[in-house]
Amino acid sequence: MDILVDLAEPIGWDVVDLKDELEQLLGLPVDLVLKGGVARRPKLLRSIREDATYV
């Protein structure tokens, strides 16, 4: 499962812990995509937003 994460502040390597915790909770492999990382690529961000399911 791909999850787009929008963080108010950088969390550094804690993002790895977040990924691990989400995988345990969901019982699925998780790929975290940081919004700040794709925000500089408008076409990619637009594509992600078009396919996104907000929860």
N, C-alpha and C. Protein backbone atom coordinates (compact mmCIF):
# COMPACT_ATOMS: atom_id res chain seq x y z
N MET A 1 0.85 -1.15 0.00
CA MET A 1 0.00 0.00 0.00
C MET A 1 0.91 1.23 0.00
N ASP A 2 0.60 2.18 -0.86
CA ASP A 2 1.33 3.45 -0.88
C ASP A 2 0.56 4.45 -0.03
N ILE A 3 1.28 5.14 0.84
CA ILE A 3 0.65 6.12 1.72
C ILE A 3 1.38 7.44 1.57
N LEU A 4 0.62 8.48 1.20
CA LEU A 4 1.17 9.83 1.09
C LEU A 4 1.07 10.48 2.46
N VAL A 5 2.21 10.93 2.97
CA VAL A 5 2.27 11.48 4.32
C VAL A 5 2.61 12.97 4.22
N ASP A 6 1.80 13.80 4.86
CA ASP A 6 2.03 15.24 4.91
C ASP A 6 2.37 15.59 6.35
N LEU A 7 3.64 15.83 6.61
CA LEU A 7 4.11 16.10 7.97
C LEU A 7 4.25 17.60 8.21
N ALA A 8 3.87 18.07 9.38
CA ALA A 8 4.02 19.48 9.74
C ALA A 8 5.51 19.82 9.93
N GLU A 9 6.26 18.85 10.45
CA GLU A 9 7.69 19.05 10.68
C GLU A 9 8.43 17.78 10.28
N PRO A 10 9.66 17.91 9.82
CA PRO A 10 10.43 16.70 9.49
C PRO A 10 10.60 15.81 10.73
N ILE A 11 10.56 14.48 10.52
CA ILE A 11 10.73 13.56 11.64
C ILE A 11 11.98 12.70 11.50
N GLY A 12 12.77 12.99 10.46
CA GLY A 12 14.03 12.27 10.30
C GLY A 12 13.83 10.77 10.13
N TRP A 13 14.68 10.01 10.80
CA TRP A 13 14.66 8.55 10.68
C TRP A 13 13.45 7.93 11.36
N ASP A 14 12.67 8.69 12.12
CA ASP A 14 11.44 8.15 12.73
C ASP A 14 10.43 7.73 11.66
N VAL A 15 10.63 8.19 10.42
CA VAL A 15 9.74 7.79 9.34
C VAL A 15 9.85 6.27 9.11
N VAL A 16 11.00 5.69 9.39
CA VAL A 16 11.17 4.24 9.27
C VAL A 16 10.32 3.53 10.33
N ASP A 17 10.31 4.06 11.54
CA ASP A 17 9.46 3.49 12.59
C ASP A 17 7.99 3.61 12.22
N LEU A 18 7.60 4.75 11.64
CA LEU A 18 6.22 4.95 11.21
C LEU A 18 5.84 3.91 10.17
N LYS A 19 6.70 3.67 9.21
CA LYS A 19 6.45 2.65 8.19
C LYS A 19 6.26 1.28 8.82
N ASP A 20 7.16 0.92 9.73
CA ASP A 20 7.07 -0.39 10.40
C ASP A 20 5.78 -0.54 11.18
N GLU A 21 5.39 0.51 11.91
CA GLU A 21 4.16 0.46 12.70
C GLU A 21 2.93 0.33 11.81
N LEU A 22 2.91 1.05 10.69
CA LEU A 22 1.77 0.96 9.78
C LEU A 22 1.68 -0.43 9.17
N GLU A 23 2.82 -1.03 8.83
CA GLU A 23 2.81 -2.39 8.28
C GLU A 23 2.25 -3.38 9.30
N GLN A 24 2.62 -3.21 10.56
CA GLN A 24 2.09 -4.11 11.60
C GLN A 24 0.59 -3.92 11.78
N LEU A 25 0.14 -2.69 11.81
CA LEU A 25 -1.28 -2.41 12.00
C LEU A 25 -2.13 -2.89 10.83
N LEU A 26 -1.64 -2.67 9.62
CA LEU A 26 -2.43 -2.98 8.43
C LEU A 26 -2.22 -4.42 7.94
N GLY A 27 -1.13 -5.03 8.36
CA GLY A 27 -0.83 -6.37 7.90
C GLY A 27 -0.47 -6.42 6.42
N LEU A 28 0.03 -5.30 5.89
CA LEU A 28 0.39 -5.17 4.47
C LEU A 28 1.74 -4.48 4.35
N PRO A 29 2.46 -4.74 3.26
CA PRO A 29 3.67 -3.94 3.01
C PRO A 29 3.26 -2.50 2.72
N VAL A 30 4.01 -1.55 3.25
CA VAL A 30 3.69 -0.13 3.11
C VAL A 30 4.87 0.60 2.50
N ASP A 31 4.57 1.48 1.55
CA ASP A 31 5.55 2.43 1.04
C ASP A 31 5.06 3.82 1.42
N LEU A 32 5.89 4.54 2.16
CA LEU A 32 5.55 5.91 2.54
C LEU A 32 6.11 6.87 1.51
N VAL A 33 5.29 7.79 1.08
CA VAL A 33 5.70 8.84 0.16
C VAL A 33 5.50 10.15 0.90
N LEU A 34 6.59 10.88 1.10
CA LEU A 34 6.49 12.15 1.82
C LEU A 34 6.07 13.25 0.86
N LYS A 35 5.00 13.95 1.21
CA LYS A 35 4.46 14.99 0.34
C LYS A 35 5.50 16.05 0.02
N GLY A 36 6.32 16.39 0.99
CA GLY A 36 7.37 17.37 0.75
C GLY A 36 8.35 16.93 -0.31
N GLY A 37 8.53 15.63 -0.43
CA GLY A 37 9.45 15.10 -1.44
C GLY A 37 8.90 15.12 -2.85
N VAL A 38 7.60 15.01 -3.00
CA VAL A 38 7.00 15.02 -4.34
C VAL A 38 6.43 16.38 -4.71
N ALA A 39 6.35 17.28 -3.76
CA ALA A 39 5.78 18.61 -4.01
C ALA A 39 6.58 19.37 -5.07
N ARG A 40 7.85 19.05 -5.20
CA ARG A 40 8.69 19.73 -6.19
C ARG A 40 8.50 19.15 -7.59
N ARG A 41 7.68 18.12 -7.70
CA ARG A 41 7.40 17.50 -9.00
C ARG A 41 5.90 17.59 -9.24
N PRO A 42 5.43 18.73 -9.74
CA PRO A 42 3.99 18.98 -9.87
C PRO A 42 3.22 17.91 -10.62
N LYS A 43 3.76 17.37 -11.71
CA LYS A 43 3.04 16.34 -12.47
C LYS A 43 2.86 15.08 -11.64
N LEU A 44 3.89 14.69 -10.92
CA LEU A 44 3.80 13.50 -10.06
C LEU A 44 2.79 13.72 -8.95
N LEU A 45 2.84 14.87 -8.29
CA LEU A 45 1.91 15.17 -7.20
C LEU A 45 0.48 15.20 -7.72
N ARG A 46 0.26 15.77 -8.88
CA ARG A 46 -1.08 15.82 -9.47
C ARG A 46 -1.58 14.40 -9.74
N SER A 47 -0.73 13.55 -10.27
CA SER A 47 -1.10 12.16 -10.55
C SER A 47 -1.46 11.42 -9.26
N ILE A 48 -0.66 11.63 -8.23
CA ILE A 48 -0.93 10.99 -6.93
C ILE A 48 -2.28 11.45 -6.39
N ARG A 49 -2.52 12.74 -6.45
CA ARG A 49 -3.79 13.28 -5.93
C ARG A 49 -4.99 12.73 -6.68
N GLU A 50 -4.84 12.51 -7.99
CA GLU A 50 -5.95 11.99 -8.78
C GLU A 50 -6.31 10.56 -8.38
N ASP A 51 -5.31 9.79 -7.96
CA ASP A 51 -5.53 8.39 -7.59
C ASP A 51 -5.76 8.18 -6.11
N ALA A 52 -5.59 9.21 -5.32
CA ALA A 52 -5.61 9.07 -3.86
C ALA A 52 -7.01 8.79 -3.31
N THR A 53 -7.02 8.03 -2.23
CA THR A 53 -8.23 7.83 -1.42
C THR A 53 -7.92 8.43 -0.06
N TYR A 54 -8.66 9.44 0.33
CA TYR A 54 -8.39 10.13 1.59
C TYR A 54 -9.10 9.44 2.73
N VAL A 55 -8.36 9.20 3.79
CA VAL A 55 -8.93 8.55 4.97
C VAL A 55 -8.62 9.35 6.22
